[in-house]
Amino acid sequence: MNCKDNYRDILQQTITKKYKKRLFVDKLVTLFTIICVISAIIPLGSILLEVIKNGASAISFEFLTQSQGSIGSGSGGIGPAIQGTIIVVGLASLIATPIGVLTGIYLSEFAKGGTFPNVVRFFNDVLTGLPSIVIGIVGYVVIVLSIGSFSVLAGSISLSIIMMPIVVRVTEETLKIVPNSLREAGYSLGISKAKITLFIVLPSAKNGILTGIVIGISRIAGETAPLIMTILGTSLFFTGITGPVDALPLRIWRLASQPYESAHAFGWGSALILILMILALSVGLRILVQRRPSFK
């Protein structure tokens, strides 16, 4: 009995020691994670507070609806820039989203390996890291010079090239984590692969795909370099798809470069409006997803 008692005591001590060690490691990792989260939130929060503090005073109905006044006068607004941002980013999203989602579906569900899918993934990764100014120069050479003017079309196509690889990558990776049991259940019922992908796999992954689309839109909404090379900017409202248009990133850049306090205030206000637009888009899509639950 003594040997059994000693063995039991040693086993209990070993278990207790390992439990305390695991508990210490768990608390240490949790503390490290909290520190990392706080370290990320502090600069983001400080930027947001700075934009609100400097830009809130500039926002008014006139600021949101009217075109730019004379330089340094502090009058007018950013109406054309807001309109141009919605049009250019919206058209770029209409171009990039279906192409990106369909490409991601092909790479995840239909590509069986081999050279062509690997080439597609390689060039998609290259596009993801390509400097936006290079895409802007390509848009200028290929589209602007062909049309003969800066245009909404050139800006939208350039931004869609930036957005597309993000949507492709997120769509592919999201579809890969959909359980294979859902696909196998469809095959067991004699459903074709296309219908399984359309009616089973995609509904299951739509939350992740929508998140990728929002990330892509957020990326292109703040791009300035491609717009300088493609839409140029104007103080007028939208006149046509083949004509120039203003955009919030361009307006912020131009206002920040002017030596007037009123221009700087307008620049801060424009930055705040851009942030609020992206926030509204993200919240709107989240609400849409919650109202339409995924396939289970």
Protein backbone atom coordinates (compact mmCIF):
# COMPACT_ATOMS: atom_id res chain seq x y z
CA MET A 1 0.00 0.00 0.00
CA ASN A 2 2.86 2.36 0.80
CA CYS A 3 4.30 1.93 -2.70
CA LYS A 4 0.90 2.62 -4.24
CA ASP A 5 0.45 5.69 -2.05
CA ASN A 6 3.91 6.98 -2.97
CA TYR A 7 3.22 6.41 -6.66
CA ARG A 8 -0.11 8.21 -6.34
CA ASP A 9 1.53 11.17 -4.58
CA ILE A 10 4.30 11.41 -7.18
CA LEU A 11 1.74 11.25 -10.00
CA GLN A 12 -0.39 13.93 -8.36
CA GLN A 13 2.62 16.20 -7.87
CA THR A 14 3.68 15.73 -11.49
CA ILE A 15 0.18 16.53 -12.74
CA THR A 16 -0.04 19.58 -10.48
CA LYS A 17 3.36 20.85 -11.60
CA LYS A 18 2.48 20.45 -15.30
CA TYR A 19 -0.91 22.08 -14.74
CA LYS A 20 0.70 25.10 -13.03
CA LYS A 21 3.24 25.35 -15.84
CA ARG A 22 0.51 25.24 -18.51
CA LEU A 23 -1.55 27.77 -16.56
CA PHE A 24 1.46 30.11 -16.35
CA VAL A 25 2.19 29.75 -20.08
CA ASP A 26 -1.49 30.36 -20.87
CA LYS A 27 -1.58 33.55 -18.81
CA LEU A 28 1.72 34.70 -20.31
CA VAL A 29 0.49 34.18 -23.89
CA THR A 30 -2.83 35.88 -23.05
CA LEU A 31 -0.98 38.87 -21.60
CA PHE A 32 1.28 39.06 -24.65
CA THR A 33 -1.75 38.92 -26.96
CA ILE A 34 -3.49 41.72 -25.04
CA ILE A 35 -0.34 43.86 -25.25
CA CYS A 36 -0.14 43.29 -29.01
CA VAL A 37 -3.81 44.22 -29.45
CA ILE A 38 -3.37 47.39 -27.42
CA SER A 39 -0.21 48.24 -29.37
CA ALA A 40 -2.21 47.99 -32.60
CA ILE A 41 -5.24 49.89 -31.29
CA ILE A 42 -3.32 52.85 -29.84
CA PRO A 43 -1.88 54.19 -33.15
CA LEU A 44 -5.11 53.45 -35.03
CA GLY A 45 -7.17 55.13 -32.33
CA SER A 46 -4.85 58.14 -32.21
CA ILE A 47 -5.12 58.58 -35.99
CA LEU A 48 -8.91 58.37 -35.83
CA LEU A 49 -9.10 60.84 -32.95
CA GLU A 50 -6.76 63.23 -34.75
CA VAL A 51 -8.87 63.12 -37.90
CA ILE A 52 -12.09 63.67 -35.93
CA LYS A 53 -10.60 66.52 -33.90
CA ASN A 54 -9.30 68.38 -36.95
CA GLY A 55 -11.98 67.47 -39.46
CA ALA A 56 -15.30 67.58 -37.59
CA SER A 57 -15.41 71.39 -37.54
CA ALA A 58 -15.19 71.57 -41.35
CA ILE A 59 -18.18 69.33 -42.02
CA SER A 60 -21.42 71.05 -42.98
CA PHE A 61 -24.17 70.69 -45.56
CA GLU A 62 -22.35 73.14 -47.84
CA PHE A 63 -19.11 71.22 -47.38
CA LEU A 64 -20.76 67.95 -48.43
CA THR A 65 -22.77 69.21 -51.40
CA GLN A 66 -21.04 72.14 -53.07
CA SER A 67 -18.05 72.25 -55.39
CA GLN A 68 -14.73 73.76 -54.43
CA GLY A 69 -14.54 77.53 -53.98
CA SER A 70 -11.63 79.76 -54.83
CA ILE A 71 -8.24 78.73 -53.45
CA GLY A 72 -7.65 79.97 -49.90
CA SER A 73 -11.15 81.44 -49.49
CA GLY A 74 -12.41 78.68 -47.18
CA SER A 75 -15.68 78.50 -49.11
CA GLY A 76 -17.27 75.72 -51.14
CA GLY A 77 -17.07 72.01 -50.44
CA ILE A 78 -16.11 68.54 -51.65
CA GLY A 79 -19.34 67.46 -53.33
CA PRO A 80 -17.66 66.51 -56.63
CA ALA A 81 -14.99 64.54 -54.75
CA ILE A 82 -17.59 62.52 -52.83
CA GLN A 83 -19.56 61.86 -56.01
CA GLY A 84 -16.42 60.94 -57.94
CA THR A 85 -15.22 58.55 -55.24
CA ILE A 86 -18.55 56.71 -55.21
CA ILE A 87 -18.60 56.45 -59.00
CA VAL A 88 -14.98 55.42 -59.54
CA VAL A 89 -14.80 52.98 -56.62
CA GLY A 90 -18.25 51.59 -57.42
CA LEU A 91 -17.37 50.97 -61.07
CA ALA A 92 -14.01 49.45 -60.09
CA SER A 93 -15.82 47.12 -57.67
CA LEU A 94 -18.27 46.07 -60.39
CA ILE A 95 -15.32 45.15 -62.60
CA ALA A 96 -13.11 43.47 -59.99
CA THR A 97 -15.66 41.60 -57.87
CA PRO A 98 -17.12 39.14 -60.42
CA ILE A 99 -13.73 38.50 -62.04
CA GLY A 100 -12.04 38.04 -58.66
CA VAL A 101 -14.75 35.79 -57.20
CA LEU A 102 -14.96 33.60 -60.33
CA THR A 103 -11.17 33.27 -60.46
CA GLY A 104 -11.09 32.29 -56.79
CA ILE A 105 -13.82 29.72 -57.39
CA TYR A 106 -11.86 28.24 -60.30
CA LEU A 107 -8.62 27.99 -58.31
CA SER A 108 -10.34 26.43 -55.28
CA GLU A 109 -12.99 24.19 -56.79
CA PHE A 110 -12.11 23.36 -60.40
CA ALA A 111 -8.32 23.65 -60.79
CA LYS A 112 -6.75 20.21 -60.45
CA GLY A 113 -3.22 21.47 -60.07
CA GLY A 114 -0.74 21.81 -62.86
CA THR A 115 1.00 24.67 -64.57
CA PHE A 116 -1.87 26.99 -65.45
CA PRO A 117 -3.38 27.35 -61.92
CA ASN A 118 0.11 27.88 -60.48
CA VAL A 119 0.81 30.57 -63.07
CA VAL A 120 -2.49 32.28 -62.20
CA ARG A 121 -1.64 32.22 -58.49
CA PHE A 122 1.87 33.52 -59.18
CA PHE A 123 0.71 36.51 -61.20
CA ASN A 124 -2.07 37.16 -58.70
CA ASP A 125 0.53 37.37 -55.92
CA VAL A 126 2.66 39.66 -58.08
CA LEU A 127 -0.30 41.99 -58.66
CA THR A 128 -1.01 42.06 -54.91
CA GLY A 129 2.42 43.54 -54.20
CA LEU A 130 2.72 45.71 -57.29
CA PRO A 131 3.15 49.44 -56.48
CA SER A 132 -0.03 51.34 -57.27
CA ILE A 133 1.86 54.06 -59.14
CA VAL A 134 2.99 51.42 -61.67
CA ILE A 135 -0.63 50.44 -62.27
CA GLY A 136 -1.47 54.12 -62.66
CA ILE A 137 1.25 54.58 -65.28
CA VAL A 138 -0.01 51.52 -67.18
CA GLY A 139 -3.54 52.92 -67.05
CA TYR A 140 -2.27 56.25 -68.38
CA VAL A 141 -0.35 54.69 -71.25
CA VAL A 142 -2.95 52.11 -72.25
CA ILE A 143 -6.25 53.90 -71.59
CA VAL A 144 -5.74 57.66 -71.17
CA LEU A 145 -3.55 58.03 -74.24
CA SER A 146 -5.90 55.79 -76.24
CA ILE A 147 -9.02 57.76 -75.31
CA GLY A 148 -7.24 61.07 -75.48
CA SER A 149 -8.35 62.35 -72.05
CA PHE A 150 -8.31 61.56 -68.38
CA SER A 151 -11.48 59.65 -67.54
CA VAL A 152 -13.56 57.77 -65.00
CA LEU A 153 -13.09 54.63 -67.09
CA ALA A 154 -9.30 54.78 -66.84
CA GLY A 155 -9.41 55.33 -63.08
CA SER A 156 -11.91 52.53 -62.50
CA ILE A 157 -9.97 49.98 -64.53
CA SER A 158 -6.73 50.90 -62.74
CA LEU A 159 -8.35 50.56 -59.32
CA SER A 160 -10.00 47.28 -60.31
CA ILE A 161 -6.55 45.83 -61.09
CA ILE A 162 -5.49 46.71 -57.53
CA MET A 163 -8.65 45.24 -55.99
CA MET A 164 -8.88 42.07 -58.07
CA PRO A 165 -5.98 40.03 -56.58
CA ILE A 166 -7.24 40.69 -53.05
CA VAL A 167 -10.68 39.31 -53.92
CA VAL A 168 -9.13 36.32 -55.72
CA ARG A 169 -6.92 35.35 -52.79
CA VAL A 170 -9.58 35.80 -50.11
CA THR A 171 -12.19 33.90 -52.16
CA GLU A 172 -9.86 30.97 -52.81
CA GLU A 173 -8.74 30.65 -49.20
CA THR A 174 -12.29 31.03 -47.87
CA LEU A 175 -13.64 28.31 -50.16
CA LYS A 176 -10.83 25.96 -49.14
CA ILE A 177 -11.96 25.98 -45.50
CA VAL A 178 -15.52 24.93 -46.36
CA PRO A 179 -15.86 21.34 -45.03
CA ASN A 180 -15.57 18.66 -47.71
CA SER A 181 -18.47 16.84 -46.07
CA LEU A 182 -20.81 19.43 -47.60
CA ARG A 183 -19.47 18.72 -51.08
CA GLU A 184 -19.61 14.95 -50.51
CA ALA A 185 -23.23 15.22 -49.37
CA GLY A 186 -24.07 16.95 -52.65
CA TYR A 187 -22.20 14.33 -54.70
CA SER A 188 -24.08 11.55 -52.88
CA LEU A 189 -27.35 13.08 -54.07
CA GLY A 190 -26.14 13.16 -57.66
CA ILE A 191 -25.80 16.97 -57.82
CA SER A 192 -23.35 18.35 -60.36
CA LYS A 193 -20.17 20.09 -59.24
CA ALA A 194 -21.32 23.43 -60.61
CA LYS A 195 -24.56 23.32 -58.61
CA ILE A 196 -22.74 22.20 -55.48
CA THR A 197 -20.38 25.14 -55.82
CA LEU A 198 -23.18 27.61 -56.53
CA PHE A 199 -25.81 26.48 -54.00
CA ILE A 200 -23.78 24.83 -51.22
CA VAL A 201 -20.15 25.98 -51.15
CA LEU A 202 -20.65 29.66 -51.99
CA PRO A 203 -23.45 30.27 -49.43
CA SER A 204 -21.28 28.65 -46.78
CA ALA A 205 -18.35 30.95 -47.60
CA LYS A 206 -20.19 34.17 -48.39
CA ASN A 207 -19.20 35.89 -45.12
CA GLY A 208 -15.51 35.50 -45.90
CA ILE A 209 -15.98 36.50 -49.54
CA LEU A 210 -17.86 39.66 -48.55
CA THR A 211 -15.08 40.46 -46.09
CA GLY A 212 -12.53 40.16 -48.90
CA ILE A 213 -14.61 42.47 -51.08
CA VAL A 214 -14.79 45.06 -48.28
CA ILE A 215 -11.02 44.81 -47.78
CA GLY A 216 -10.49 45.34 -51.49
CA ILE A 217 -12.82 48.35 -51.60
CA SER A 218 -11.12 49.83 -48.52
CA ARG A 219 -7.76 49.41 -50.24
CA ILE A 220 -8.70 51.19 -53.46
CA ALA A 221 -10.83 53.90 -51.82
CA GLY A 222 -7.72 55.55 -50.40
CA GLU A 223 -5.45 55.17 -53.43
CA THR A 224 -4.10 58.45 -54.82
CA ALA A 225 -1.25 57.61 -57.20
CA PRO A 226 -3.32 55.74 -59.83
CA LEU A 227 -5.95 58.51 -59.81
CA ILE A 228 -3.37 61.21 -60.46
CA MET A 229 -2.38 59.34 -63.61
CA THR A 230 -5.89 58.43 -64.79
CA ILE A 231 -8.67 60.80 -63.68
CA LEU A 232 -6.56 63.92 -63.01
CA GLY A 233 -9.26 65.59 -60.87
CA THR A 234 -11.63 68.49 -61.47
CA SER A 235 -13.76 70.92 -59.50
CA LEU A 236 -16.85 69.97 -61.54
CA PHE A 237 -19.41 67.28 -60.90
CA PHE A 238 -19.58 64.08 -62.97
CA THR A 239 -19.97 64.77 -66.68
CA GLY A 240 -19.46 61.35 -68.25
CA ILE A 241 -17.56 58.11 -68.03
CA THR A 242 -14.97 59.33 -70.54
CA GLY A 243 -14.39 62.63 -68.77
CA PRO A 244 -12.29 63.58 -65.72
CA VAL A 245 -13.74 63.49 -62.23
CA ASP A 246 -12.64 64.36 -58.70
CA ALA A 247 -12.07 61.89 -55.84
CA LEU A 248 -11.53 62.23 -52.09
CA PRO A 249 -7.92 60.93 -52.05
CA LEU A 250 -6.99 63.42 -54.79
CA ARG A 251 -8.80 66.23 -53.00
CA ILE A 252 -7.08 65.43 -49.69
CA TRP A 253 -3.68 65.41 -51.40
CA ARG A 254 -4.28 68.75 -53.11
CA LEU A 255 -5.71 70.42 -50.02
CA ALA A 256 -2.83 69.21 -47.85
CA SER A 257 -0.29 70.71 -50.28
CA GLN A 258 -1.83 74.20 -50.11
CA PRO A 259 -0.39 76.77 -47.65
CA TYR A 260 -3.77 77.80 -46.20
CA GLU A 261 -5.30 76.85 -42.86
CA SER A 262 -8.76 76.64 -44.42
CA ALA A 263 -7.46 74.19 -47.04
CA HIS A 264 -5.90 72.03 -44.33
CA ALA A 265 -9.19 72.02 -42.40
CA PHE A 266 -11.01 70.95 -45.56
CA GLY A 267 -8.41 68.21 -46.04
CA TRP A 268 -9.02 66.85 -42.54
CA GLY A 269 -12.77 66.99 -43.17
CA SER A 270 -12.34 65.10 -46.44
CA ALA A 271 -10.31 62.42 -44.67
CA LEU A 272 -13.04 62.05 -42.05
CA ILE A 273 -15.71 61.69 -44.73
CA LEU A 274 -13.64 58.99 -46.49
CA ILE A 275 -13.26 57.05 -43.23
CA LEU A 276 -16.99 57.32 -42.52
CA MET A 277 -17.83 56.07 -46.03
CA ILE A 278 -15.67 52.96 -45.58
CA LEU A 279 -17.13 52.42 -42.10
CA ALA A 280 -20.68 52.69 -43.44
CA LEU A 281 -19.88 50.17 -46.18
CA SER A 282 -18.40 47.68 -43.73
CA VAL A 283 -21.26 48.01 -41.24
CA GLY A 284 -23.84 47.76 -44.03
CA LEU A 285 -22.39 44.50 -45.35
CA ARG A 286 -22.20 43.07 -41.84
CA ILE A 287 -25.87 43.83 -41.28
CA LEU A 288 -26.72 42.27 -44.65
CA VAL A 289 -24.82 39.09 -43.74
CA GLN A 290 -26.52 38.81 -40.35
CA ARG A 291 -29.97 39.16 -41.89
CA ARG A 292 -29.23 36.44 -44.46
CA PRO A 293 -27.67 33.52 -42.58
CA SER A 294 -25.22 31.19 -44.31
CA PHE A 295 -26.13 27.69 -45.49
CA LYS A 296 -25.76 25.09 -42.76
